[in-house]
C-alpha atoms as a PDB file:
ATOM      1  CA  MET A   1     126.386  18.700 133.295  1.00  0.00           C
ATOM      2  CA  LEU A   2     128.597  21.238 134.996  1.00  0.00           C
ATOM      3  CA  LEU A   3     132.306  21.177 134.451  1.00  0.00           C
ATOM      4  CA  LYS A   4     134.804  21.885 137.200  1.00  0.00           C
ATOM      5  CA  SER A   5     136.008  24.890 135.236  1.00  0.00           C
ATOM      6  CA  ASP A   6     132.574  26.547 135.235  1.00  0.00           C
ATOM      7  CA  THR A   7     132.457  30.016 136.800  1.00  0.00           C
ATOM      8  CA  MET A   8     129.582  32.387 137.525  1.00  0.00           C
ATOM      9  CA  SER A   9     130.506  34.475 134.464  1.00  0.00           C
ATOM     10  CA  ASP A  10     130.480  31.325 132.323  1.00  0.00           C
ATOM     11  CA  ILE A  11     127.008  30.475 133.537  1.00  0.00           C
ATOM     12  CA  LYS A  12     125.662  33.954 132.684  1.00  0.00           C
ATOM     13  CA  ARG A  13     126.854  33.606 129.087  1.00  0.00           C
ATOM     14  CA  ARG A  14     125.331  30.178 128.478  1.00  0.00           C
ATOM     15  CA  PRO A  15     121.785  28.843 128.069  1.00  0.00           C
ATOM     16  CA  SER A  16     120.397  27.858 131.427  1.00  0.00           C
ATOM     17  CA  GLN A  17     119.418  24.266 130.832  1.00  0.00           C
ATOM     18  CA  LEU A  18     120.940  21.069 132.092  1.00  0.00           C
ATOM     19  CA  ARG A  19     122.292  19.317 129.038  1.00  0.00           C
ATOM     20  CA  VAL A  20     121.931  15.558 129.034  1.00  0.00           C
ATOM     21  CA  VAL A  21     124.614  13.563 127.244  1.00  0.00           C
ATOM     22  CA  PRO A  22     124.870   9.780 126.905  1.00  0.00           C
ATOM     23  CA  GLU A  23     126.977   8.069 129.544  1.00  0.00           C
ATOM     24  CA  PRO A  24     130.593   7.527 128.413  1.00  0.00           C
ATOM     25  CA  LYS A  25     131.133   3.969 127.229  1.00  0.00           C
ATOM     26  CA  ALA A  26     132.820   2.013 124.474  1.00  0.00           C
ATOM     27  CA  LYS A  27     130.015   2.687 121.998  1.00  0.00           C
ATOM     28  CA  ILE A  28     127.271   5.288 122.296  1.00  0.00           C
ATOM     29  CA  THR A  29     124.208   3.807 120.687  1.00  0.00           C
ATOM     30  CA  LYS A  30     121.344   5.407 118.812  1.00  0.00           C
ATOM     31  CA  ALA A  31     119.143   4.592 121.791  1.00  0.00           C
ATOM     32  CA  ASP A  32     121.486   6.564 124.094  1.00  0.00           C
ATOM     33  CA  ARG A  33     121.280   9.582 121.826  1.00  0.00           C
ATOM     34  CA  THR A  34     117.514   9.345 121.437  1.00  0.00           C
ATOM     35  CA  ARG A  35     116.984   9.183 125.198  1.00  0.00           C
ATOM     36  CA  ALA A  36     119.225  12.233 125.659  1.00  0.00           C
ATOM     37  CA  VAL A  37     117.264  14.140 122.999  1.00  0.00           C
ATOM     38  CA  ILE A  38     113.995  13.497 124.844  1.00  0.00           C
ATOM     39  CA  LEU A  39     115.420  14.529 128.217  1.00  0.00           C
ATOM     40  CA  ASN A  40     116.908  17.729 126.802  1.00  0.00           C
ATOM     41  CA  ALA A  41     113.652  18.539 125.020  1.00  0.00           C
ATOM     42  CA  ALA A  42     111.824  18.262 128.347  1.00  0.00           C
ATOM     43  CA  LEU A  43     114.269  20.632 130.051  1.00  0.00           C
ATOM     44  CA  GLU A  44     113.980  23.149 127.235  1.00  0.00           C
ATOM     45  CA  PHE A  45     110.189  22.903 127.293  1.00  0.00           C
ATOM     46  CA  ILE A  46     110.042  23.564 131.037  1.00  0.00           C
ATOM     47  CA  TRP A  47     112.251  26.627 130.636  1.00  0.00           C
ATOM     48  CA  SER A  48     109.745  28.333 128.371  1.00  0.00           C
ATOM     49  CA  HIS A  49     106.385  26.792 129.337  1.00  0.00           C
ATOM     50  CA  PRO A  50     104.524  26.090 132.580  1.00  0.00           C
ATOM     51  CA  PHE A  51     104.778  22.490 133.714  1.00  0.00           C
ATOM     52  CA  ARG A  52     101.025  21.982 133.362  1.00  0.00           C
ATOM     53  CA  ASP A  53     101.452  22.286 129.583  1.00  0.00           C
ATOM     54  CA  LEU A  54     103.964  19.439 129.419  1.00  0.00           C
ATOM     55  CA  SER A  55     102.536  16.294 127.878  1.00  0.00           C
ATOM     56  CA  VAL A  56     103.941  13.500 125.754  1.00  0.00           C
ATOM     57  CA  ASN A  57     102.377  15.084 122.678  1.00  0.00           C
ATOM     58  CA  SER A  58     103.656  18.595 123.353  1.00  0.00           C
ATOM     59  CA  LEU A  59     107.099  17.290 124.274  1.00  0.00           C
ATOM     60  CA  MET A  60     107.597  15.080 121.249  1.00  0.00           C
ATOM     61  CA  ALA A  61     106.257  17.783 118.938  1.00  0.00           C
ATOM     62  CA  SER A  62     109.339  19.784 119.858  1.00  0.00           C
ATOM     63  CA  THR A  63     111.588  16.992 118.580  1.00  0.00           C
ATOM     64  CA  GLU A  64     111.884  15.110 115.295  1.00  0.00           C
ATOM     65  CA  LEU A  65     110.970  11.886 117.091  1.00  0.00           C
ATOM     66  CA  SER A  66     107.669  10.052 117.104  1.00  0.00           C
ATOM     67  CA  ARG A  67     105.337   9.826 120.096  1.00  0.00           C
ATOM     68  CA  ALA A  68     106.016   6.087 120.188  1.00  0.00           C
ATOM     69  CA  ALA A  69     109.728   6.804 120.713  1.00  0.00           C
ATOM     70  CA  PHE A  70     108.953   8.360 124.094  1.00  0.00           C
ATOM     71  CA  TYR A  71     107.510   5.122 125.438  1.00  0.00           C
ATOM     72  CA  GLN A  72     110.589   3.151 124.483  1.00  0.00           C
ATOM     73  CA  TYR A  73     112.445   4.969 127.290  1.00  0.00           C
ATOM     74  CA  PHE A  74     109.863   6.301 129.729  1.00  0.00           C
ATOM     75  CA  LYS A  75     106.624   4.987 131.149  1.00  0.00           C
ATOM     76  CA  ASP A  76     105.050   8.437 131.348  1.00  0.00           C
ATOM     77  CA  ILE A  77     105.852  12.080 132.089  1.00  0.00           C
ATOM     78  CA  HIS A  78     106.283  11.229 135.766  1.00  0.00           C
ATOM     79  CA  HIS A  79     108.996   8.714 134.942  1.00  0.00           C
ATOM     80  CA  LEU A  80     110.787  11.234 132.739  1.00  0.00           C
ATOM     81  CA  MET A  81     110.684  13.920 135.420  1.00  0.00           C
ATOM     82  CA  GLU A  82     111.867  11.484 138.095  1.00  0.00           C
ATOM     83  CA  THR A  83     114.801  10.598 135.831  1.00  0.00           C
ATOM     84  CA  LEU A  84     115.738  14.274 135.478  1.00  0.00           C
ATOM     85  CA  LEU A  85     115.337  14.864 139.210  1.00  0.00           C
ATOM     86  CA  GLN A  86     117.699  11.989 139.993  1.00  0.00           C
ATOM     87  CA  MET A  87     120.268  13.411 137.555  1.00  0.00           C
ATOM     88  CA  LEU A  88     119.986  16.824 139.172  1.00  0.00           C
ATOM     89  CA  ALA A  89     120.312  15.294 142.662  1.00  0.00           C
ATOM     90  CA  GLU A  90     123.569  13.638 141.597  1.00  0.00           C
ATOM     91  CA  GLU A  91     124.910  16.946 140.303  1.00  0.00           C
ATOM     92  CA  ILE A  92     123.936  18.846 143.427  1.00  0.00           C
ATOM     93  CA  PHE A  93     125.418  16.153 145.661  1.00  0.00           C
ATOM     94  CA  ALA A  94     128.698  16.470 143.774  1.00  0.00           C
ATOM     95  CA  SER A  95     128.889  20.056 145.085  1.00  0.00           C
ATOM     96  CA  ALA A  96     127.409  19.354 148.520  1.00  0.00           C
ATOM     97  CA  ASN A  97     129.908  16.562 149.123  1.00  0.00           C
ATOM     98  CA  ILE A  98     132.677  19.132 149.311  1.00  0.00           C
ATOM     99  CA  TRP A  99     131.232  20.096 152.703  1.00  0.00           C
ATOM    100  CA  LEU A 100     129.570  16.786 153.573  1.00  0.00           C
ATOM    101  CA  GLU A 101     132.748  14.707 153.167  1.00  0.00           C
ATOM    102  CA  GLY A 102     135.635  17.165 153.130  1.00  0.00           C
ATOM    103  CA  VAL A 103     138.319  17.581 155.791  1.00  0.00           C
ATOM    104  CA  GLY A 104     139.956  20.793 156.967  1.00  0.00           C
ATOM    105  CA  ASP A 105     138.214  24.099 157.592  1.00  0.00           C
ATOM    106  CA  PRO A 106     134.437  23.385 157.543  1.00  0.00           C
ATOM    107  CA  VAL A 107     133.579  27.037 156.945  1.00  0.00           C
ATOM    108  CA  ALA A 108     135.780  27.257 153.855  1.00  0.00           C
ATOM    109  CA  LEU A 109     134.376  23.910 152.678  1.00  0.00           C
ATOM    110  CA  LEU A 110     130.820  25.191 153.122  1.00  0.00           C
ATOM    111  CA  ASN A 111     131.575  28.315 151.110  1.00  0.00           C
ATOM    112  CA  GLU A 112     133.085  26.237 148.325  1.00  0.00           C
ATOM    113  CA  ALA A 113     130.087  23.898 148.319  1.00  0.00           C
ATOM    114  CA  PHE A 114     127.690  26.809 147.974  1.00  0.00           C
ATOM    115  CA  GLU A 115     129.495  28.022 144.877  1.00  0.00           C
ATOM    116  CA  GLY A 116     128.673  24.746 143.125  1.00  0.00           C
ATOM    117  CA  LEU A 117     125.158  24.502 144.579  1.00  0.00           C
ATOM    118  CA  THR A 118     124.313  27.983 143.389  1.00  0.00           C
ATOM    119  CA  ARG A 119     125.675  27.327 139.908  1.00  0.00           C
ATOM    120  CA  SER A 120     123.542  24.198 139.566  1.00  0.00           C
ATOM    121  CA  CYS A 121     120.365  25.808 140.854  1.00  0.00           C
ATOM    122  CA  TYR A 122     120.896  28.943 138.772  1.00  0.00           C
ATOM    123  CA  ARG A 123     120.984  26.806 135.663  1.00  0.00           C
ATOM    124  CA  HIS A 124     118.210  24.420 136.637  1.00  0.00           C
ATOM    125  CA  GLY A 125     115.866  26.706 138.571  1.00  0.00           C
ATOM    126  CA  PRO A 126     112.878  26.268 136.202  1.00  0.00           C
ATOM    127  CA  PHE A 127     113.098  22.500 136.540  1.00  0.00           C
ATOM    128  CA  LEU A 128     113.218  22.730 140.343  1.00  0.00           C
ATOM    129  CA  ARG A 129     110.200  25.042 140.251  1.00  0.00           C
ATOM    130  CA  ALA A 130     108.325  22.642 137.954  1.00  0.00           C
ATOM    131  CA  VAL A 131     108.828  19.668 140.273  1.00  0.00           C
ATOM    132  CA  SER A 132     108.083  21.706 143.393  1.00  0.00           C
ATOM    133  CA  ASP A 133     104.876  23.112 141.881  1.00  0.00           C
ATOM    134  CA  ALA A 134     103.766  19.702 140.639  1.00  0.00           C
ATOM    135  CA  SER A 135     104.318  18.212 144.093  1.00  0.00           C
ATOM    136  CA  THR A 136     101.444  20.297 145.487  1.00  0.00           C
ATOM    137  CA  THR A 137      98.845  18.654 143.250  1.00  0.00           C
ATOM    138  CA  ASP A 138     100.277  15.277 142.269  1.00  0.00           C
ATOM    139  CA  GLU A 139     100.930  12.505 144.790  1.00  0.00           C
ATOM    140  CA  ARG A 140     103.731  10.880 142.784  1.00  0.00           C
ATOM    141  CA  PHE A 141     105.575  14.157 142.368  1.00  0.00           C
ATOM    142  CA  GLU A 142     104.993  14.927 146.051  1.00  0.00           C
ATOM    143  CA  GLN A 143     106.771  11.696 146.975  1.00  0.00           C
ATOM    144  CA  SER A 144     109.615  12.314 144.520  1.00  0.00           C
ATOM    145  CA  TRP A 145     110.140  15.836 145.871  1.00  0.00           C
ATOM    146  CA  LYS A 146     110.073  14.625 149.465  1.00  0.00           C
ATOM    147  CA  GLN A 147     112.634  11.932 148.675  1.00  0.00           C
ATOM    148  CA  PHE A 148     114.823  14.483 146.879  1.00  0.00           C
ATOM    149  CA  LEU A 149     114.858  16.785 149.918  1.00  0.00           C
ATOM    150  CA  SER A 150     115.105  13.945 152.433  1.00  0.00           C
ATOM    151  CA  ALA A 151     118.315  12.695 150.848  1.00  0.00           C
ATOM    152  CA  PHE A 152     119.943  16.029 151.667  1.00  0.00           C
ATOM    153  CA  ASP A 153     118.385  15.992 155.158  1.00  0.00           C
ATOM    154  CA  ASP A 154     119.876  12.559 155.907  1.00  0.00           C
ATOM    155  CA  SER A 155     123.357  13.454 154.663  1.00  0.00           C
ATOM    156  CA  GLY A 156     123.321  16.862 156.329  1.00  0.00           C
ATOM    157  CA  ASP A 157     122.137  15.455 159.639  1.00  0.00           C
ATOM    158  CA  ALA A 158     124.957  12.914 159.624  1.00  0.00           C
ATOM    159  CA  ARG A 159     127.450  15.717 158.885  1.00  0.00           C
ATOM    160  CA  LEU A 160     126.161  17.904 161.715  1.00  0.00           C
ATOM    161  CA  LYS A 161     126.327  15.046 164.191  1.00  0.00           C
ATOM    162  CA  ALA A 162     129.913  14.298 163.126  1.00  0.00           C
ATOM    163  CA  ASP A 163     130.910  17.950 163.488  1.00  0.00           C
ATOM    164  CA  GLN A 164     129.230  18.078 166.901  1.00  0.00           C
ATOM    165  CA  ALA A 165     131.210  15.038 167.964  1.00  0.00           C
ATOM    166  CA  GLN A 166     134.405  16.866 167.033  1.00  0.00           C
ATOM    167  CA  GLY A 167     133.352  19.966 168.941  1.00  0.00           C
ATOM    168  CA  LEU A 168     133.021  22.084 165.814  1.00  0.00           C
ATOM    169  CA  ILE A 169     129.297  22.778 166.271  1.00  0.00           C
ATOM    170  CA  ALA A 170     127.320  23.411 169.450  1.00  0.00           C
ATOM    171  CA  THR A 171     125.184  20.608 170.826  1.00  0.00           C
ATOM    172  CA  PHE A 172     121.568  20.797 169.649  1.00  0.00           C
ATOM    173  CA  ASP A 173     118.968  18.600 167.948  1.00  0.00           C
ATOM    174  CA  SER A 174     120.505  18.527 164.480  1.00  0.00           C
ATOM    175  CA  ARG A 175     117.622  17.022 162.486  1.00  0.00           C
ATOM    176  CA  PRO A 176     115.169  19.941 162.632  1.00  0.00           C
ATOM    177  CA  VAL A 177     118.015  22.412 162.037  1.00  0.00           C
ATOM    178  CA  ILE A 178     119.221  20.726 158.836  1.00  0.00           C
ATOM    179  CA  PHE A 179     115.575  20.298 157.768  1.00  0.00           C
ATOM    180  CA  ALA A 180     115.010  24.047 158.117  1.00  0.00           C
ATOM    181  CA  LEU A 181     118.271  25.006 156.419  1.00  0.00           C
ATOM    182  CA  ASN A 182     117.596  22.749 153.434  1.00  0.00           C
ATOM    183  CA  ARG A 183     114.070  24.157 153.041  1.00  0.00           C
ATOM    184  CA  VAL A 184     115.485  27.696 153.099  1.00  0.00           C
ATOM    185  CA  ASN A 185     117.863  26.652 150.329  1.00  0.00           C
ATOM    186  CA  ALA A 186     115.138  25.080 148.191  1.00  0.00           C
ATOM    187  CA  SER A 187     112.706  27.949 148.592  1.00  0.00           C
ATOM    188  CA  THR A 188     115.349  30.589 147.931  1.00  0.00           C
ATOM    189  CA  PHE A 189     116.813  28.913 144.860  1.00  0.00           C
ATOM    190  CA  ILE A 190     113.362  28.338 143.355  1.00  0.00           C
ATOM    191  CA  ASP A 191     112.169  31.882 143.992  1.00  0.00           C
ATOM    192  CA  ALA A 192     115.422  33.442 142.788  1.00  0.00           C
ATOM    193  CA  PHE A 193     116.141  31.267 139.743  1.00  0.00           C
ATOM    194  CA  GLY A 194     112.880  29.492 138.872  1.00  0.00           C
ATOM    195  CA  GLN A 195     111.637  32.025 136.333  1.00  0.00           C
ATOM    196  CA  ARG A 196     112.751  34.989 134.313  1.00  0.00           C
ATOM    197  CA  PRO A 197     114.129  37.424 135.192  1.00  0.00           C
ATOM    198  CA  ARG A 198     116.454  35.439 137.431  1.00  0.00           C
ATOM    199  CA  GLN A 199     118.267  37.163 140.250  1.00  0.00           C
ATOM    200  CA  GLN A 200     122.040  37.452 140.153  1.00  0.00           C
ATOM    201  CA  PRO A 201     123.558  34.275 141.614  1.00  0.00           C
ATOM    202  CA  LYS A 202     126.415  35.728 143.658  1.00  0.00           C
ATOM    203  CA  PRO A 203     124.302  37.631 146.230  1.00  0.00           C
ATOM    204  CA  ILE A 204     122.084  34.556 146.694  1.00  0.00           C
ATOM    205  CA  GLN A 205     125.146  32.365 147.221  1.00  0.00           C
ATOM    206  CA  LYS A 206     126.566  34.760 149.814  1.00  0.00           C
ATOM    207  CA  ALA A 207     123.260  35.135 151.638  1.00  0.00           C
ATOM    208  CA  LEU A 208     122.678  31.397 151.988  1.00  0.00           C
ATOM    209  CA  ALA A 209     126.263  30.688 152.975  1.00  0.00           C
ATOM    210  CA  ARG A 210     125.975  33.411 155.618  1.00  0.00           C
ATOM    211  CA  ILE A 211     122.844  31.828 157.066  1.00  0.00           C
ATOM    212  CA  TRP A 212     124.424  28.371 157.214  1.00  0.00           C
ATOM    213  CA  ILE A 213     127.782  29.531 158.605  1.00  0.00           C
ATOM    214  CA  SER A 214     126.298  31.754 161.288  1.00  0.00           C
ATOM    215  CA  THR A 215     123.785  29.068 162.304  1.00  0.00           C
ATOM    216  CA  LEU A 216     126.273  26.227 162.457  1.00  0.00           C
ATOM    217  CA  TYR A 217     129.753  27.573 163.110  1.00  0.00           C
ATOM    218  CA  GLY A 218     129.356  31.126 164.375  1.00  0.00           C
ATOM    219  CA  ALA A 219     128.601  34.607 163.032  1.00  0.00           C
ATOM    220  CA  GLU A 220     132.232  35.627 163.504  1.00  0.00           C
ATOM    221  CA  TYR A 221     133.187  33.571 160.439  1.00  0.00           C
ATOM    222  CA  THR A 222     130.626  34.929 157.987  1.00  0.00           C
ATOM    223  CA  GLU A 223     132.667  37.827 156.648  1.00  0.00           C
ATOM    224  CA  LYS A 224     136.011  36.044 156.309  1.00  0.00           C
ATOM    225  CA  GLY A 225     134.538  32.931 154.778  1.00  0.00           C
ATOM    226  CA  SER A 226     137.022  30.793 156.658  1.00  0.00           C
ATOM    227  CA  SER A 227     137.796  29.814 160.236  1.00  0.00           C
ATOM    228  CA  ASN A 228     140.427  28.311 162.490  1.00  0.00           C
ATOM    229  CA  LEU A 229     138.275  25.213 162.927  1.00  0.00           C
ATOM    230  CA  ILE A 230     139.739  21.936 161.711  1.00  0.00           C
ATOM    231  CA  ARG A 231     137.632  18.977 160.771  1.00  0.00           C
ATOM    232  CA  LYS A 232     139.412  15.606 160.786  1.00  0.00           C
END
C-alpha cells in the first residue's frame, strides 16, 4: 500500500505493483502470509501478461504454492480479482476523501486529492486495465467494475450537492456531471498507466485536476491551484 511519505519520484524508482501485506494484528499467521503471496503473484502476473492468460494454474505456477492452496482462500479467479479491486478502492478512497470530506479551500483539497489518486493509478494501472477489459466480456466483472465506479459516483454526487448548498458550486444536476468526471478519470488513468510505456504521472495529474476545477469551481482557479472559497 502507499505510504503518506510517497512522492512521484519515489514511485518512479519502485516497481509498479500494489504490494499486499497481512493485516496488522497480534499474530500474523501462515494463512495470512500465504493469502498475501497469492494476491501479490496475481498483481505481478497482470503487470507482465494479458488478463486472458490468467488462470489458477498459470498463477500458482509463478509461486511455490500448490494449486490446492489457491482454493483455501479464493473461490475462483473472479473472487481473487474482486478482492484486489476492493483493496484498490479502499486505497483510492483514502486519497479521494481529502476532497470528499475535507474542510477549507475545496480547490486546494481537490489538487491534493489528485496527487494521491494519480500515485495509486500510476502504480496499479495494469490491474485497472485488466478489470476494465474483463468487464466487457464477463458479466461478473462487469458488475464488479460498475460497483467500483458507482461508489465514487455516489460519494462525489453527495459532495457536489453539499458544495452547492454552501454556494461553492453553481446549481446544476450533479449526478451526470460527477458520472462524466469519474469516467474521464478512469479512462485517462487506464490509457496513460495501464501498459508500458506509461506516461509521466505529473502532466496527467495536472490535466485531470484542471478539468475538475474548471468544471466545478471555475477556470480562474486552475493555474493557482487554490481559491478564496471556504468549505465548512
